[in-house]
């Protein structure tokens, strides 16, 4: 079994900052990509940022220059530093990891339970 547990969400004023964390645990052989997605109210889930095992990153245009994704491979943890937050960043944020549970398994995607981020004055 693999678990992804997110933390760090909450209520913040426009212009403020939050840092999300997601720790993967369980039967993990290796983790490839890790990513953050978000689902605003009434909208579809969208990719926010992705980071490869080697540290290459890509971002949604809407968050470039404001959000930074990073990871600690020794702790199977991914972070999302969110600065200059806007009301339109309000969403449930989900952690995603593509990983193998053994040397013989295929690569599968796993999701966290989500953490609410609300940007409002």
Protein backbone atom coordinates (compact mmCIF):
# COMPACT_ATOMS: atom_id res chain seq x y z
CA UNK A 1 0.00 0.00 0.00
CA UNK A 2 1.11 3.52 -0.79
CA UNK A 3 -0.10 6.63 0.99
CA UNK A 4 0.36 10.28 0.06
CA UNK A 5 -0.41 12.69 2.88
CA UNK A 6 -0.66 16.42 2.21
CA UNK A 7 -0.40 19.24 4.72
CA UNK A 8 -0.08 23.01 4.78
CA UNK A 9 -3.34 24.22 3.32
CA UNK A 10 -5.48 26.91 4.89
CA UNK A 11 -6.91 30.41 4.61
CA UNK A 12 -4.62 33.22 3.48
CA UNK A 13 -5.13 36.81 2.37
CA UNK A 14 -4.38 37.88 -1.20
CA UNK A 15 -0.67 38.48 -1.61
CA UNK A 16 0.17 36.01 1.12
CA UNK A 17 2.12 32.76 1.05
CA UNK A 18 1.58 29.11 1.90
CA UNK A 19 3.79 26.05 1.72
CA UNK A 20 2.26 22.68 0.95
CA UNK A 21 3.96 19.39 1.75
CA UNK A 22 3.21 15.87 0.62
CA UNK A 23 4.91 12.79 2.04
CA UNK A 24 4.72 9.43 0.31
CA UNK A 25 5.01 6.28 2.40
CA UNK A 26 4.43 2.56 2.18
CA UNK A 27 5.64 0.02 -0.34
CA UNK A 28 7.78 2.28 -2.55
CA UNK A 29 10.64 1.08 -4.72
CA UNK A 30 11.26 4.31 -6.60
CA UNK A 31 9.38 7.52 -7.34
CA UNK A 32 9.53 9.07 -10.79
CA UNK A 33 7.58 12.30 -11.19
CA UNK A 34 5.84 14.11 -8.36
CA UNK A 35 3.30 16.82 -8.99
CA UNK A 36 0.68 19.13 -7.59
CA UNK A 37 -2.76 19.46 -9.14
CA UNK A 38 -5.66 21.63 -8.07
CA UNK A 39 -9.40 21.65 -8.52
CA UNK A 40 -11.12 25.01 -8.15
CA UNK A 41 -14.80 25.01 -7.15
CA UNK A 42 -16.95 23.86 -10.05
CA UNK A 43 -14.00 23.25 -12.35
CA UNK A 44 -11.88 20.35 -13.51
CA UNK A 45 -8.64 19.26 -11.90
CA UNK A 46 -5.60 20.92 -13.48
CA UNK A 47 -1.85 20.48 -13.29
CA UNK A 48 -0.10 23.15 -11.22
CA UNK A 49 3.52 21.97 -11.23
CA UNK A 50 5.56 18.82 -11.82
CA UNK A 51 9.07 17.78 -10.83
CA UNK A 52 11.03 14.81 -12.12
CA UNK A 53 13.30 12.60 -10.06
CA UNK A 54 16.22 14.56 -11.49
CA UNK A 55 14.76 17.90 -10.46
CA UNK A 56 13.43 19.21 -13.77
CA UNK A 57 10.28 21.24 -13.30
CA UNK A 58 7.38 22.60 -15.28
CA UNK A 59 4.56 24.91 -14.25
CA UNK A 60 1.14 26.01 -15.36
CA UNK A 61 1.34 29.46 -16.94
CA UNK A 62 -0.98 30.85 -14.29
CA UNK A 63 1.51 30.13 -11.47
CA UNK A 64 4.88 30.73 -13.15
CA UNK A 65 7.01 33.12 -11.13
CA UNK A 66 4.82 32.73 -8.05
CA UNK A 67 4.93 29.01 -7.18
CA UNK A 68 7.98 26.80 -6.70
CA UNK A 69 7.92 23.02 -6.59
CA UNK A 70 10.73 21.07 -4.92
CA UNK A 71 11.32 17.61 -3.52
CA UNK A 72 13.38 15.76 -0.96
CA UNK A 73 14.12 12.36 -2.44
CA UNK A 74 15.54 11.08 0.86
CA UNK A 75 12.15 11.60 2.48
CA UNK A 76 9.88 10.91 -0.53
CA UNK A 77 8.42 14.36 -0.03
CA UNK A 78 7.35 17.08 -2.44
CA UNK A 79 6.72 20.71 -1.59
CA UNK A 80 4.87 23.59 -3.20
CA UNK A 81 5.86 27.08 -2.11
CA UNK A 82 3.07 29.46 -3.11
CA UNK A 83 3.75 33.20 -3.03
CA UNK A 84 1.72 36.22 -4.14
CA UNK A 85 -1.45 34.21 -3.80
CA UNK A 86 -4.56 35.37 -5.62
CA UNK A 87 -8.25 34.59 -5.03
CA UNK A 88 -8.23 32.53 -8.23
CA UNK A 89 -5.70 30.18 -6.60
CA UNK A 90 -8.48 29.00 -4.30
CA UNK A 91 -8.87 25.26 -4.82
CA UNK A 92 -8.36 21.83 -3.35
CA UNK A 93 -4.71 20.95 -4.00
CA UNK A 94 -3.80 17.32 -4.67
CA UNK A 95 -0.42 15.64 -4.55
CA UNK A 96 0.38 13.10 -7.25
CA UNK A 97 3.25 10.65 -7.51
CA UNK A 98 4.15 8.24 -10.31
CA UNK A 99 6.04 5.39 -8.74
CA UNK A 100 6.98 1.75 -8.73
CA UNK A 101 6.25 -0.50 -5.76
CA UNK A 102 8.91 -3.03 -6.75
CA UNK A 103 11.62 -3.54 -9.36
CA UNK A 104 9.14 -5.58 -11.40
CA UNK A 105 6.06 -3.41 -11.14
CA UNK A 106 4.77 -0.96 -13.65
CA UNK A 107 4.69 2.77 -12.96
CA UNK A 108 1.39 3.76 -11.41
CA UNK A 109 -0.06 7.06 -10.28
CA UNK A 110 -1.11 7.67 -6.71
CA UNK A 111 -3.04 10.58 -5.24
CA UNK A 112 -3.28 12.30 -1.90
CA UNK A 113 -6.58 13.15 -0.26
CA UNK A 114 -6.33 16.85 -1.05
CA UNK A 115 -5.85 19.97 1.03
CA UNK A 116 -7.97 23.11 0.81
CA UNK A 117 -6.33 26.42 -0.04
CA UNK A 118 -8.54 29.50 0.26
CA UNK A 119 -7.31 32.94 -0.73
CA UNK A 120 -9.66 35.61 0.54
CA UNK A 121 -9.68 38.88 2.43
